[in-house]
Structure formats: C-alpha cells, structure tokens
C-alpha cells in the first residue's frame, strides 16, 4: 500500500496540472472568441469600459486559479482523493459560465459567478493544505504555522458575501449605472490584491531562510 501511496503522490501533480491546463485553455479560448466577436469593445463608450473591466478581471481570475493550483502542487505532496480530480471540472464549468456572461447587461450574473468561483477556490486551497498537513513530507513547512481557524477566513468570507450580494442586487435591479461600475472595479482590485498576496506567500515559502539572511546582509 505504501508503494501505491508514493506513486500517487509522485504522479498526481502532473495529472492535476495537465487536467487543469486543458480546462484553462478552453476557458481562455472562449474568452478570446468573445473579445474577437464583440465589436463594441473597440468603441469609446461607457459600455466598452465596463466590458473591458469584466474581461480584465476574468483574465486575472483564470490566471490566478492556475497559479494557486500550480503553487500548491509544487510546494506540497499529499495523497490525492477523488475530489481533487473533480474540482477542476467544477471550476471549469463556472469559468465557462463566467465567460458567457461577459456582457455589461449581465453584470449581476457575472458578479455572482465570480463570487462562487472565489469561494470554491478558497475551499480547494484550504482542502489541499489540510491534506498536505497530514503528510510528513510537508512537516518542514507546517511546523512554523498553526492550523487555520474560522477567523482566518473572515476576509475571504467577507469578500465572497459582498461580491455575491452586489451581484444579486445588480441582477435583480438590472442596474448598469455607477453602482455596477464600482462593483466591477472593486472586483478587479480584489483579484489584483489576491494575486499579489499569492505571490508574497509563494516567495515566503520557497525562499530558504539562510538565503534570505544573506540577502539582508
């Protein structure tokens, strides 16, 4: 059984990233198709500005999903479970729906879907960390970190809740004014901030402490 577990841990990262890369490639292809077919994006109008914010946010979101998955599989080793292979398909479905709602008239639906994807990715990342903590191969990392508590997830819970409520309001009211623009702009800013936080966490976990001390000197 130990040999099977070791084999699964060794090959799982490659299988997972291959699967995710296919899903992400399809989502990016849909995004490019939308951009090439939407002639109004080349006009200097308010609608075009809103649409480009949606497109930029969607692109960053797709890249962020890839970065989170790639970072976790390169940093940690764990014994995979069935859900690890299922989540990329679930995320892919929501990504396709997100691209399909790339229209200023469907900003509410887009915001709700973005909130769902954000929530799912938090769940995926946390679940991966839980399973990685159970594996002795990762003790060198987790010995310096306490287990996460519900309080640690309050920023993510707040972001998802506000994004979902804003999307529901825009969806129901069919709004397309200042509130919708600010909600989309805030979503873009949140994704950029999350990308930065992911980058900081990556540097913190891969830089050797000895190298860091030498750099500071």
Protein backbone atom coordinates (compact mmCIF):
# COMPACT_ATOMS: atom_id res chain seq x y z
CA UNK A 1 0.00 0.00 0.00
CA UNK A 2 2.90 2.35 0.77
CA UNK A 3 4.22 1.93 -2.77
CA UNK A 4 0.82 2.85 -4.22
CA UNK A 5 0.57 5.92 -2.00
CA UNK A 6 4.05 7.05 -3.02
CA UNK A 7 3.23 6.51 -6.69
CA UNK A 8 0.01 8.51 -6.34
CA UNK A 9 1.81 11.39 -4.63
CA UNK A 10 4.53 11.37 -7.27
CA UNK A 11 2.27 11.40 -10.34
CA UNK A 12 -0.73 13.34 -9.05
CA UNK A 13 0.72 16.87 -9.54
CA UNK A 14 1.42 16.18 -13.23
CA UNK A 15 -2.03 14.66 -13.77
CA UNK A 16 -3.77 17.52 -11.96
CA UNK A 17 -1.91 20.29 -13.78
CA UNK A 18 -2.46 18.58 -17.14
CA UNK A 19 -6.18 18.37 -16.44
CA UNK A 20 -6.34 21.96 -15.24
CA UNK A 21 -4.32 23.26 -18.19
CA UNK A 22 -6.87 21.75 -20.59
CA UNK A 23 -9.74 23.39 -18.73
CA UNK A 24 -7.95 26.74 -18.56
CA UNK A 25 -7.05 26.59 -22.26
CA UNK A 26 -10.70 26.09 -23.17
CA UNK A 27 -11.75 28.97 -20.93
CA UNK A 28 -9.13 31.27 -22.46
CA UNK A 29 -10.24 30.24 -25.94
CA UNK A 30 -13.83 31.17 -25.06
CA UNK A 31 -12.58 34.48 -23.68
CA UNK A 32 -10.64 35.26 -26.85
CA UNK A 33 -13.63 34.31 -29.01
CA UNK A 34 -15.80 36.74 -27.04
CA UNK A 35 -13.26 39.55 -27.43
CA UNK A 36 -12.86 39.00 -31.17
CA UNK A 37 -16.63 38.88 -31.78
CA UNK A 38 -17.67 41.86 -29.61
CA UNK A 39 -17.26 44.81 -31.94
CA UNK A 40 -18.48 47.30 -29.33
CA UNK A 41 -15.26 46.75 -27.35
CA UNK A 42 -13.41 48.96 -29.85
CA UNK A 43 -15.73 51.91 -29.29
CA UNK A 44 -15.06 54.73 -26.83
CA UNK A 45 -18.21 54.25 -24.78
CA UNK A 46 -19.17 53.61 -21.17
CA UNK A 47 -20.37 50.12 -22.11
CA UNK A 48 -16.99 49.28 -23.63
CA UNK A 49 -15.19 50.46 -20.49
CA UNK A 50 -17.38 48.28 -18.26
CA UNK A 51 -16.89 45.33 -20.59
CA UNK A 52 -13.10 45.69 -20.56
CA UNK A 53 -13.08 45.73 -16.76
CA UNK A 54 -15.04 42.48 -16.83
CA UNK A 55 -12.66 40.97 -19.37
CA UNK A 56 -9.55 42.04 -17.44
CA UNK A 57 -11.00 40.64 -14.20
CA UNK A 58 -11.89 37.37 -15.90
CA UNK A 59 -8.41 37.02 -17.35
CA UNK A 60 -6.74 37.70 -13.99
CA UNK A 61 -9.13 35.26 -12.33
CA UNK A 62 -8.23 32.49 -14.78
CA UNK A 63 -4.50 33.06 -14.31
CA UNK A 64 -4.93 33.22 -10.52
CA UNK A 65 -6.63 29.83 -10.47
CA UNK A 66 -3.71 28.34 -12.39
CA UNK A 67 -1.16 30.00 -10.08
CA UNK A 68 -2.88 28.71 -6.93
CA UNK A 69 -3.08 25.16 -8.24
CA UNK A 70 0.48 25.17 -9.59
CA UNK A 71 1.90 26.67 -6.40
CA UNK A 72 0.21 24.09 -4.17
CA UNK A 73 1.30 21.12 -6.25
CA UNK A 74 4.90 22.35 -6.41
CA UNK A 75 5.12 23.20 -2.72
CA UNK A 76 3.40 20.22 -1.13
CA UNK A 77 2.92 16.49 -1.53
CA UNK A 78 -0.25 14.71 -0.40
CA UNK A 79 -2.20 11.56 -1.10
CA UNK A 80 -4.93 12.60 -3.57
CA UNK A 81 -8.61 11.83 -3.14
CA UNK A 82 -11.36 11.72 -5.75
CA UNK A 83 -12.47 15.29 -5.07
CA UNK A 84 -9.01 16.57 -6.04
CA UNK A 85 -9.70 15.41 -9.61
CA UNK A 86 -13.32 16.56 -9.62
CA UNK A 87 -12.82 20.17 -8.53
CA UNK A 88 -11.09 21.27 -11.79
CA UNK A 89 -14.21 20.22 -13.74
CA UNK A 90 -16.50 22.10 -11.36
CA UNK A 91 -14.31 25.20 -11.58
CA UNK A 92 -14.18 24.82 -15.36
CA UNK A 93 -17.97 24.82 -15.64
CA UNK A 94 -18.21 28.04 -13.63
CA UNK A 95 -15.42 29.57 -15.71
CA UNK A 96 -17.28 28.82 -18.93
CA UNK A 97 -20.46 30.33 -17.45
CA UNK A 98 -18.43 33.37 -16.34
CA UNK A 99 -17.17 33.97 -19.88
CA UNK A 100 -20.69 33.53 -21.27
CA UNK A 101 -21.92 36.35 -19.02
CA UNK A 102 -19.25 38.78 -20.23
CA UNK A 103 -21.71 41.47 -21.15
CA UNK A 104 -22.49 44.75 -19.38
CA UNK A 105 -26.16 43.74 -19.39
CA UNK A 106 -25.33 40.60 -17.40
CA UNK A 107 -23.02 42.17 -14.83
CA UNK A 108 -25.11 40.84 -11.95
CA UNK A 109 -24.84 37.23 -13.10
CA UNK A 110 -21.12 37.72 -13.73
CA UNK A 111 -20.53 39.04 -10.20
CA UNK A 112 -22.45 36.15 -8.63
CA UNK A 113 -20.45 33.60 -10.66
CA UNK A 114 -17.18 35.31 -9.72
CA UNK A 115 -18.18 35.07 -6.06
CA UNK A 116 -18.91 31.36 -6.46
CA UNK A 117 -15.56 30.71 -8.16
CA UNK A 118 -13.76 32.68 -5.44
CA UNK A 119 -15.50 30.60 -2.76
CA UNK A 120 -14.72 27.31 -4.50
CA UNK A 121 -11.06 28.22 -4.88
CA UNK A 122 -10.80 29.09 -1.18
CA UNK A 123 -12.30 25.69 -0.41
CA UNK A 124 -9.95 23.89 -2.81
CA UNK A 125 -6.87 25.65 -1.46
CA UNK A 126 -7.82 25.02 2.16
CA UNK A 127 -8.65 21.37 1.49
CA UNK A 128 -5.29 20.88 -0.21
CA UNK A 129 -3.50 22.44 2.74
CA UNK A 130 -5.40 20.19 5.15
CA UNK A 131 -4.33 17.07 3.31
CA UNK A 132 -0.77 18.35 2.91
CA UNK A 133 -0.53 18.94 6.67
CA UNK A 134 -1.34 15.26 7.24
CA UNK A 135 1.69 14.17 5.19
CA UNK A 136 5.09 14.05 6.90
CA UNK A 137 6.77 15.22 3.68
CA UNK A 138 5.47 18.72 4.42
CA UNK A 139 6.41 18.94 8.10
CA UNK A 140 9.25 21.38 7.39
CA UNK A 141 6.65 23.93 6.27
CA UNK A 142 3.72 23.34 8.59
CA UNK A 143 5.80 23.23 11.77
CA UNK A 144 6.01 27.03 11.54
CA UNK A 145 2.26 27.55 11.01
CA UNK A 146 -0.70 26.87 13.27
CA UNK A 147 -3.87 25.28 11.96
CA UNK A 148 -6.28 27.71 10.32
CA UNK A 149 -9.32 28.78 12.31
CA UNK A 150 -12.66 30.17 11.06
CA UNK A 151 -11.39 33.63 11.98
CA UNK A 152 -8.56 33.29 9.45
CA UNK A 153 -11.15 33.01 6.67
CA UNK A 154 -13.12 36.11 7.61
CA UNK A 155 -11.57 38.27 4.82
CA UNK A 156 -12.49 35.65 2.19
CA UNK A 157 -15.97 35.21 3.65
CA UNK A 158 -16.48 38.98 3.60
CA UNK A 159 -15.26 39.28 0.01
CA UNK A 160 -17.48 36.46 -1.25
CA UNK A 161 -20.52 37.76 0.66
CA UNK A 162 -20.18 41.35 -0.56
CA UNK A 163 -19.49 40.25 -4.13
CA UNK A 164 -22.50 37.90 -4.13
CA UNK A 165 -24.83 40.49 -2.58
CA UNK A 166 -23.68 43.17 -5.02
CA UNK A 167 -24.21 40.78 -7.92
CA UNK A 168 -27.66 39.80 -6.68
CA UNK A 169 -28.64 43.47 -6.35
CA UNK A 170 -27.41 44.33 -9.85
CA UNK A 171 -29.06 41.18 -11.25
CA UNK A 172 -32.46 41.86 -9.67
CA UNK A 173 -32.47 45.61 -10.26
CA UNK A 174 -30.99 45.21 -13.76
CA UNK A 175 -28.74 48.13 -12.93
CA UNK A 176 -25.97 49.32 -15.21
CA UNK A 177 -25.01 52.61 -13.62
CA UNK A 178 -22.42 53.85 -11.16
CA UNK A 179 -23.02 51.10 -8.59
CA UNK A 180 -22.40 48.38 -11.17
CA UNK A 181 -19.23 50.11 -12.38
CA UNK A 182 -17.89 50.45 -8.82
CA UNK A 183 -18.75 46.82 -8.04
CA UNK A 184 -16.86 45.61 -11.11
CA UNK A 185 -13.93 47.90 -10.36
CA UNK A 186 -13.80 46.63 -6.77
CA UNK A 187 -13.81 43.04 -8.04
CA UNK A 188 -10.87 43.83 -10.32
CA UNK A 189 -8.99 45.39 -7.40
CA UNK A 190 -9.71 42.36 -5.18
CA UNK A 191 -8.36 39.97 -7.79
CA UNK A 192 -5.20 42.03 -8.23
CA UNK A 193 -4.76 42.12 -4.44
CA UNK A 194 -5.30 38.36 -4.21
CA UNK A 195 -2.74 37.82 -6.95
CA UNK A 196 -0.25 39.92 -5.00
CA UNK A 197 -0.95 38.02 -1.77
CA UNK A 198 -0.44 34.71 -3.57
CA UNK A 199 2.88 35.96 -4.92
CA UNK A 200 4.02 37.05 -1.46
CA UNK A 201 3.05 33.72 0.06
CA UNK A 202 4.90 31.87 -2.69
CA UNK A 203 8.12 33.82 -2.07
CA UNK A 204 7.78 33.28 1.66
CA UNK A 205 7.50 29.51 1.29
CA UNK A 206 10.22 28.85 -1.30
CA UNK A 207 12.97 31.24 -0.21
CA UNK A 208 15.45 29.48 2.05
CA UNK A 209 15.89 31.24 5.39
CA UNK A 210 19.68 31.11 5.04
CA UNK A 211 19.50 32.75 1.60
CA UNK A 212 17.14 35.37 2.98
CA UNK A 213 19.56 36.22 5.79
CA UNK A 214 22.44 36.53 3.32
CA UNK A 215 20.34 38.83 1.15
CA UNK A 216 19.51 41.05 4.12
CA UNK A 217 23.20 41.28 4.99
